[in-house]
């Protein structure tokens, strides 16, 4: 059996839930890798005093980190041949060191367009403080 398998578009149905993914808890190492890996050196992502002085509860993950986590979640679900065709998301609350994230998703639409087998996904990232810290709308091409 292969480590990763492609999701068969014919077996996907609208309304289906995706297997949740847990990440964390977020650590200072996560934050350092986030800031350095994305070259986002704005102090709010690595300087606790600066973050708190600017109204944040602590340093927090940045936009590009969420793009990566969302991509990982849907491509692990769809398989190595899946391809993100559209991605948009809203950051509604911060995720900081100590937070445990849970990524959940639902198939909202299944359709074919210009020869592509597509699914629209509603994906949400929650933490222990509440739901929907990030909400995303993603179109994924399956094989």
N, C-alpha and C. Protein backbone atom coordinates (compact mmCIF):
# COMPACT_ATOMS: atom_id res chain seq x y z
N UNK A 1 0.84 -1.18 0.00
CA UNK A 1 0.00 0.00 0.00
C UNK A 1 0.89 1.25 0.00
N UNK A 2 0.54 2.20 -0.82
CA UNK A 2 1.31 3.45 -0.91
C UNK A 2 1.10 4.29 0.34
N UNK A 3 2.12 5.08 0.67
CA UNK A 3 2.03 5.97 1.83
C UNK A 3 0.92 7.00 1.61
N UNK A 4 0.90 7.61 0.43
CA UNK A 4 -0.15 8.56 0.08
C UNK A 4 -0.92 7.99 -1.10
N UNK A 5 -2.22 8.10 -1.05
CA UNK A 5 -3.05 7.67 -2.16
C UNK A 5 -3.92 8.83 -2.59
N UNK A 6 -4.18 8.88 -3.90
CA UNK A 6 -5.05 9.92 -4.42
C UNK A 6 -6.50 9.60 -4.06
N UNK A 7 -7.25 10.64 -3.74
CA UNK A 7 -8.67 10.47 -3.46
C UNK A 7 -9.39 10.33 -4.79
N UNK A 8 -10.22 9.33 -4.88
CA UNK A 8 -10.99 9.07 -6.10
C UNK A 8 -12.18 10.03 -6.15
N UNK A 9 -12.18 10.91 -7.15
CA UNK A 9 -13.22 11.92 -7.29
C UNK A 9 -14.61 11.28 -7.32
N UNK A 10 -14.73 10.09 -7.93
CA UNK A 10 -16.03 9.44 -8.05
C UNK A 10 -16.61 9.03 -6.70
N UNK A 11 -15.77 8.87 -5.69
CA UNK A 11 -16.26 8.43 -4.37
C UNK A 11 -16.52 9.61 -3.42
N UNK A 12 -16.22 10.83 -3.85
CA UNK A 12 -16.42 12.00 -3.00
C UNK A 12 -17.87 12.47 -3.13
N UNK A 13 -18.47 12.87 -2.02
CA UNK A 13 -19.83 13.38 -2.07
C UNK A 13 -19.94 14.72 -1.34
N UNK A 14 -20.82 15.57 -1.83
CA UNK A 14 -21.06 16.86 -1.18
C UNK A 14 -21.57 16.62 0.24
N UNK A 15 -21.09 17.43 1.16
CA UNK A 15 -21.46 17.30 2.55
C UNK A 15 -20.54 16.40 3.36
N UNK A 16 -19.63 15.69 2.68
CA UNK A 16 -18.72 14.78 3.37
C UNK A 16 -17.73 15.57 4.24
N UNK A 17 -17.45 15.05 5.41
CA UNK A 17 -16.46 15.65 6.30
C UNK A 17 -15.08 15.08 6.00
N UNK A 18 -14.08 15.93 6.16
CA UNK A 18 -12.70 15.52 5.98
C UNK A 18 -12.14 15.14 7.35
N UNK A 19 -11.21 14.19 7.38
CA UNK A 19 -10.58 13.78 8.63
C UNK A 19 -9.88 14.98 9.27
N UNK A 20 -10.21 15.34 10.51
CA UNK A 20 -9.55 16.50 11.16
C UNK A 20 -8.05 16.27 11.32
N UNK A 21 -7.32 17.38 11.37
CA UNK A 21 -5.88 17.37 11.59
C UNK A 21 -5.60 18.21 12.82
N UNK A 22 -4.86 17.66 13.78
CA UNK A 22 -4.44 18.43 14.94
C UNK A 22 -3.00 18.86 14.76
N UNK A 23 -2.71 20.10 15.13
CA UNK A 23 -1.35 20.63 15.06
C UNK A 23 -1.06 21.34 16.38
N UNK A 24 0.05 20.96 16.98
CA UNK A 24 0.46 21.69 18.15
C UNK A 24 0.64 20.82 19.36
N UNK A 25 0.82 21.49 20.48
CA UNK A 25 0.64 22.93 20.61
C UNK A 25 1.76 23.71 19.91
N UNK A 26 1.42 24.92 19.51
CA UNK A 26 2.38 25.82 18.89
C UNK A 26 3.47 26.12 19.92
N UNK A 27 4.70 26.11 19.48
CA UNK A 27 5.84 26.37 20.37
C UNK A 27 6.61 27.60 19.89
N UNK A 28 7.57 28.01 20.69
CA UNK A 28 8.46 29.09 20.25
C UNK A 28 9.24 28.65 19.02
N UNK A 29 9.59 27.37 18.94
CA UNK A 29 10.28 26.85 17.75
C UNK A 29 9.39 27.01 16.52
N UNK A 30 8.09 26.72 16.65
CA UNK A 30 7.15 26.93 15.55
C UNK A 30 7.20 28.38 15.10
N UNK A 31 7.17 29.29 16.06
CA UNK A 31 7.18 30.73 15.74
C UNK A 31 8.47 31.14 15.05
N UNK A 32 9.61 30.65 15.53
CA UNK A 32 10.89 31.00 14.92
C UNK A 32 10.95 30.47 13.48
N UNK A 33 10.52 29.23 13.29
CA UNK A 33 10.52 28.66 11.94
C UNK A 33 9.56 29.43 11.03
N UNK A 34 8.42 29.82 11.56
CA UNK A 34 7.44 30.60 10.80
C UNK A 34 8.06 31.92 10.33
N UNK A 35 8.58 32.70 11.26
CA UNK A 35 9.12 34.02 10.92
C UNK A 35 10.33 33.92 10.00
N UNK A 36 11.24 32.99 10.29
CA UNK A 36 12.45 32.91 9.45
C UNK A 36 12.16 32.24 8.11
N UNK A 37 11.33 31.21 8.11
CA UNK A 37 11.03 30.50 6.87
C UNK A 37 10.26 31.33 5.87
N UNK A 38 9.45 32.24 6.36
CA UNK A 38 8.67 33.09 5.45
C UNK A 38 9.29 34.47 5.28
N UNK A 39 10.38 34.71 6.00
CA UNK A 39 11.08 36.00 5.99
C UNK A 39 10.18 37.15 6.43
N UNK A 40 9.23 36.82 7.27
CA UNK A 40 8.34 37.84 7.84
C UNK A 40 8.90 38.20 9.21
N UNK A 41 9.74 39.19 9.25
CA UNK A 41 10.43 39.55 10.47
C UNK A 41 9.75 40.67 11.24
N UNK A 42 8.48 40.93 10.92
CA UNK A 42 7.72 41.93 11.68
C UNK A 42 7.70 41.48 13.14
N UNK A 43 8.05 42.34 14.09
CA UNK A 43 8.20 41.94 15.50
C UNK A 43 6.98 41.29 16.13
N UNK A 44 5.81 41.52 15.60
CA UNK A 44 4.60 40.96 16.21
C UNK A 44 4.60 39.43 16.15
N UNK A 45 5.48 38.87 15.28
CA UNK A 45 5.56 37.42 15.15
C UNK A 45 6.69 36.79 15.96
N UNK A 46 7.54 37.62 16.60
CA UNK A 46 8.65 37.03 17.37
C UNK A 46 9.02 37.79 18.64
N UNK A 47 8.45 38.96 18.86
CA UNK A 47 8.80 39.77 20.04
C UNK A 47 7.55 39.90 20.92
N UNK A 48 7.54 39.16 22.02
CA UNK A 48 6.35 39.12 22.88
C UNK A 48 5.98 40.49 23.43
N UNK A 49 6.94 41.26 23.87
CA UNK A 49 6.64 42.59 24.41
C UNK A 49 6.01 43.48 23.35
N UNK A 50 6.55 43.45 22.14
CA UNK A 50 6.00 44.24 21.04
C UNK A 50 4.56 43.80 20.73
N UNK A 51 4.35 42.48 20.64
CA UNK A 51 3.01 41.96 20.32
C UNK A 51 1.99 42.42 21.37
N UNK A 52 2.33 42.27 22.63
CA UNK A 52 1.39 42.64 23.70
C UNK A 52 1.18 44.15 23.76
N UNK A 53 2.22 44.91 23.51
CA UNK A 53 2.08 46.38 23.49
C UNK A 53 1.19 46.85 22.35
N UNK A 54 1.00 46.00 21.34
CA UNK A 54 0.16 46.34 20.20
C UNK A 54 -1.18 45.62 20.23
N UNK A 55 -1.59 45.16 21.41
CA UNK A 55 -2.93 44.63 21.60
C UNK A 55 -3.11 43.14 21.37
N UNK A 56 -2.05 42.42 21.00
CA UNK A 56 -2.16 40.98 20.80
C UNK A 56 -1.98 40.26 22.13
N UNK A 57 -2.54 39.07 22.28
CA UNK A 57 -2.36 38.33 23.53
C UNK A 57 -0.97 37.73 23.62
N UNK A 58 -0.29 37.57 22.47
CA UNK A 58 1.08 37.04 22.42
C UNK A 58 1.54 37.14 20.97
N UNK A 59 2.77 36.70 20.69
CA UNK A 59 3.20 36.60 19.30
C UNK A 59 2.29 35.58 18.60
N UNK A 60 2.14 35.69 17.29
CA UNK A 60 1.20 34.81 16.62
C UNK A 60 1.66 34.45 15.21
N UNK A 61 1.08 33.36 14.70
CA UNK A 61 1.42 32.85 13.37
C UNK A 61 1.03 33.85 12.28
N UNK A 62 1.74 33.80 11.15
CA UNK A 62 1.48 34.76 10.09
C UNK A 62 0.69 34.15 8.92
N UNK A 63 0.34 34.99 7.98
CA UNK A 63 -0.49 34.61 6.84
C UNK A 63 0.09 33.44 6.06
N UNK A 64 1.38 33.49 5.76
CA UNK A 64 1.99 32.44 4.94
C UNK A 64 2.00 31.09 5.66
N UNK A 65 2.08 31.12 6.98
CA UNK A 65 2.03 29.86 7.73
C UNK A 65 0.67 29.20 7.55
N UNK A 66 -0.39 30.00 7.58
CA UNK A 66 -1.73 29.45 7.36
C UNK A 66 -1.89 28.91 5.94
N UNK A 67 -1.32 29.60 4.96
CA UNK A 67 -1.37 29.08 3.60
C UNK A 67 -0.75 27.68 3.55
N UNK A 68 0.37 27.50 4.23
CA UNK A 68 1.03 26.21 4.26
C UNK A 68 0.22 25.14 4.97
N UNK A 69 -0.36 25.47 6.12
CA UNK A 69 -1.16 24.49 6.85
C UNK A 69 -2.41 24.10 6.07
N UNK A 70 -3.07 25.08 5.47
CA UNK A 70 -4.26 24.78 4.67
C UNK A 70 -3.90 23.91 3.47
N UNK A 71 -2.79 24.23 2.82
CA UNK A 71 -2.33 23.43 1.69
C UNK A 71 -2.02 22.00 2.11
N UNK A 72 -1.33 21.86 3.22
CA UNK A 72 -1.02 20.52 3.73
C UNK A 72 -2.30 19.73 3.99
N UNK A 73 -3.27 20.37 4.65
CA UNK A 73 -4.52 19.68 5.01
C UNK A 73 -5.26 19.17 3.78
N UNK A 74 -5.48 20.04 2.81
CA UNK A 74 -6.28 19.60 1.66
C UNK A 74 -5.52 18.68 0.72
N UNK A 75 -4.20 18.86 0.59
CA UNK A 75 -3.43 17.97 -0.28
C UNK A 75 -3.22 16.60 0.36
N UNK A 76 -3.12 16.53 1.67
CA UNK A 76 -3.08 15.21 2.31
C UNK A 76 -4.41 14.49 2.13
N UNK A 77 -5.51 15.23 2.19
CA UNK A 77 -6.83 14.63 1.97
C UNK A 77 -6.99 14.21 0.52
N UNK A 78 -6.60 15.07 -0.41
CA UNK A 78 -6.79 14.80 -1.83
C UNK A 78 -5.78 13.86 -2.45
N UNK A 79 -4.60 13.78 -1.86
CA UNK A 79 -3.55 12.91 -2.38
C UNK A 79 -2.51 13.69 -3.15
N UNK A 80 -1.39 13.04 -3.49
CA UNK A 80 -0.26 13.73 -4.10
C UNK A 80 -0.54 14.31 -5.49
N UNK A 81 -1.55 13.82 -6.17
CA UNK A 81 -1.87 14.36 -7.49
C UNK A 81 -2.93 15.46 -7.44
N UNK A 82 -3.45 15.75 -6.24
CA UNK A 82 -4.44 16.83 -6.12
C UNK A 82 -3.73 18.17 -6.29
N UNK A 83 -4.52 19.19 -6.68
CA UNK A 83 -3.92 20.49 -6.99
C UNK A 83 -4.86 21.59 -6.53
N UNK A 84 -4.34 22.53 -5.75
CA UNK A 84 -5.16 23.65 -5.29
C UNK A 84 -5.36 24.62 -6.45
N UNK A 85 -6.60 24.83 -6.82
CA UNK A 85 -6.93 25.76 -7.89
C UNK A 85 -7.31 27.14 -7.36
N UNK A 86 -7.88 27.20 -6.17
CA UNK A 86 -8.25 28.48 -5.53
C UNK A 86 -8.10 28.34 -4.04
N UNK A 87 -7.65 29.42 -3.42
CA UNK A 87 -7.51 29.45 -1.97
C UNK A 87 -7.76 30.87 -1.49
N UNK A 88 -8.73 31.02 -0.61
CA UNK A 88 -8.94 32.31 0.06
C UNK A 88 -9.29 32.01 1.51
N UNK A 89 -8.85 32.89 2.40
CA UNK A 89 -9.15 32.65 3.80
C UNK A 89 -9.16 33.95 4.57
N UNK A 90 -9.81 33.88 5.73
CA UNK A 90 -9.91 35.01 6.65
C UNK A 90 -9.29 34.61 7.97
N UNK A 91 -8.43 35.46 8.50
CA UNK A 91 -7.85 35.25 9.83
C UNK A 91 -8.71 36.05 10.81
N UNK A 92 -9.44 35.34 11.66
CA UNK A 92 -10.41 35.98 12.55
C UNK A 92 -9.90 36.12 13.98
N UNK A 93 -8.91 35.33 14.35
CA UNK A 93 -8.31 35.40 15.69
C UNK A 93 -6.88 34.89 15.57
N UNK A 94 -6.06 35.24 16.54
CA UNK A 94 -4.66 34.82 16.50
C UNK A 94 -4.48 33.42 17.08
N UNK A 95 -3.42 32.77 16.61
CA UNK A 95 -2.99 31.49 17.17
C UNK A 95 -1.57 31.68 17.66
N UNK A 96 -1.36 31.42 18.94
CA UNK A 96 -0.15 31.80 19.66
C UNK A 96 0.50 30.57 20.30
N UNK A 97 1.74 30.74 20.80
CA UNK A 97 2.38 29.64 21.51
C UNK A 97 1.47 29.08 22.60
N UNK A 98 1.43 27.75 22.66
CA UNK A 98 0.57 27.07 23.61
C UNK A 98 -0.76 26.63 23.02
N UNK A 99 -1.16 27.23 21.90
CA UNK A 99 -2.44 26.88 21.29
C UNK A 99 -2.35 25.54 20.56
N UNK A 100 -3.40 24.75 20.68
CA UNK A 100 -3.54 23.49 19.95
C UNK A 100 -4.56 23.74 18.85
N UNK A 101 -4.15 23.54 17.60
CA UNK A 101 -5.02 23.82 16.46
C UNK A 101 -5.68 22.54 15.97
N UNK A 102 -6.92 22.66 15.56
CA UNK A 102 -7.63 21.58 14.90
C UNK A 102 -8.17 22.12 13.58
N UNK A 103 -7.79 21.44 12.49
CA UNK A 103 -8.24 21.83 11.15
C UNK A 103 -9.34 20.85 10.74
N UNK A 104 -10.47 21.41 10.30
CA UNK A 104 -11.62 20.59 9.88
C UNK A 104 -12.07 21.06 8.51
N UNK A 105 -12.67 20.15 7.77
CA UNK A 105 -13.15 20.54 6.45
C UNK A 105 -14.38 19.76 6.02
N UNK A 106 -15.11 20.36 5.09
CA UNK A 106 -16.30 19.75 4.52
C UNK A 106 -16.31 20.01 3.02
N UNK A 107 -16.74 19.02 2.26
CA UNK A 107 -16.93 19.18 0.82
C UNK A 107 -18.26 19.89 0.62
N UNK A 108 -18.21 21.08 0.00
CA UNK A 108 -19.45 21.85 -0.20
C UNK A 108 -19.99 21.72 -1.62
N UNK A 109 -19.13 21.35 -2.57
CA UNK A 109 -19.58 21.23 -3.95
C UNK A 109 -18.63 20.31 -4.69
N UNK A 110 -19.20 19.52 -5.61
CA UNK A 110 -18.43 18.61 -6.47
C UNK A 110 -18.90 18.85 -7.90
N UNK A 111 -17.96 19.13 -8.81
CA UNK A 111 -18.36 19.46 -10.18
C UNK A 111 -17.19 19.28 -11.14
N UNK A 112 -17.54 19.25 -12.43
CA UNK A 112 -16.53 19.22 -13.48
C UNK A 112 -16.59 20.53 -14.23
N UNK A 113 -15.40 21.04 -14.58
CA UNK A 113 -15.32 22.31 -15.29
C UNK A 113 -14.09 22.26 -16.19
N UNK A 114 -14.30 22.47 -17.47
CA UNK A 114 -13.22 22.48 -18.44
C UNK A 114 -12.31 21.26 -18.30
N UNK A 115 -12.92 20.10 -18.11
CA UNK A 115 -12.18 18.85 -18.02
C UNK A 115 -11.56 18.57 -16.67
N UNK A 116 -11.73 19.46 -15.72
CA UNK A 116 -11.16 19.26 -14.39
C UNK A 116 -12.22 18.73 -13.43
N UNK A 117 -11.82 17.79 -12.59
CA UNK A 117 -12.69 17.25 -11.55
C UNK A 117 -12.40 18.03 -10.27
N UNK A 118 -13.37 18.87 -9.87
CA UNK A 118 -13.15 19.83 -8.79
C UNK A 118 -14.05 19.59 -7.60
N UNK A 119 -13.55 19.97 -6.43
CA UNK A 119 -14.36 20.01 -5.22
C UNK A 119 -14.10 21.35 -4.54
N UNK A 120 -15.17 21.96 -4.06
CA UNK A 120 -15.04 23.16 -3.23
C UNK A 120 -15.10 22.70 -1.78
N UNK A 121 -14.20 23.24 -0.98
CA UNK A 121 -14.06 22.82 0.41
C UNK A 121 -14.22 24.02 1.34
N UNK A 122 -14.90 23.80 2.43
CA UNK A 122 -15.01 24.77 3.52
C UNK A 122 -14.10 24.25 4.62
N UNK A 123 -13.02 24.99 4.92
CA UNK A 123 -12.03 24.53 5.89
C UNK A 123 -11.93 25.56 7.01
N UNK A 124 -11.83 25.05 8.22
CA UNK A 124 -11.78 25.91 9.40
C UNK A 124 -10.68 25.45 10.35
N UNK A 125 -10.01 26.43 10.94
CA UNK A 125 -9.01 26.15 11.96
C UNK A 125 -9.54 26.69 13.29
N UNK A 126 -9.59 25.80 14.28
CA UNK A 126 -10.04 26.15 15.63
C UNK A 126 -8.84 26.05 16.57
N UNK A 127 -8.94 26.72 17.72
CA UNK A 127 -8.01 26.46 18.81
C UNK A 127 -8.82 26.22 20.08
N UNK A 128 -8.14 26.00 21.19
CA UNK A 128 -8.83 25.67 22.43
C UNK A 128 -9.66 26.83 22.97
N UNK A 129 -9.46 28.03 22.45
CA UNK A 129 -10.22 29.19 22.92
C UNK A 129 -11.53 29.38 22.15
N UNK A 130 -11.62 28.76 20.97
CA UNK A 130 -12.84 28.92 20.20
C UNK A 130 -12.72 28.45 18.77
N UNK A 131 -13.85 28.42 18.10
CA UNK A 131 -13.87 27.96 16.71
C UNK A 131 -13.51 29.08 15.73
N UNK A 132 -13.17 28.64 14.53
CA UNK A 132 -13.03 29.54 13.38
C UNK A 132 -12.01 30.65 13.56
N UNK A 133 -10.82 30.33 14.07
CA UNK A 133 -9.77 31.34 14.11
C UNK A 133 -9.35 31.69 12.68
N UNK A 134 -9.49 30.69 11.79
CA UNK A 134 -9.26 30.90 10.36
C UNK A 134 -10.37 30.17 9.62
N UNK A 135 -10.97 30.83 8.62
CA UNK A 135 -11.97 30.18 7.76
C UNK A 135 -11.48 30.28 6.32
N UNK A 136 -11.59 29.17 5.59
CA UNK A 136 -11.05 29.13 4.23
C UNK A 136 -12.04 28.53 3.26
N UNK A 137 -11.93 29.00 2.03
CA UNK A 137 -12.67 28.47 0.90
C UNK A 137 -11.63 28.02 -0.12
N UNK A 138 -11.67 26.74 -0.45
CA UNK A 138 -10.63 26.16 -1.29
C UNK A 138 -11.27 25.33 -2.40
N UNK A 139 -10.76 25.50 -3.62
CA UNK A 139 -11.14 24.63 -4.73
C UNK A 139 -9.96 23.73 -5.01
N UNK A 140 -10.22 22.41 -4.96
CA UNK A 140 -9.18 21.41 -5.13
C UNK A 140 -9.51 20.56 -6.35
N UNK A 141 -8.51 20.36 -7.20
CA UNK A 141 -8.69 19.44 -8.34
C UNK A 141 -8.24 18.05 -7.92
N UNK A 142 -9.09 17.06 -8.20
CA UNK A 142 -8.78 15.67 -7.90
C UNK A 142 -8.59 14.89 -9.21
N UNK A 143 -8.05 13.71 -9.10
CA UNK A 143 -7.86 12.86 -10.29
C UNK A 143 -9.00 11.89 -10.41
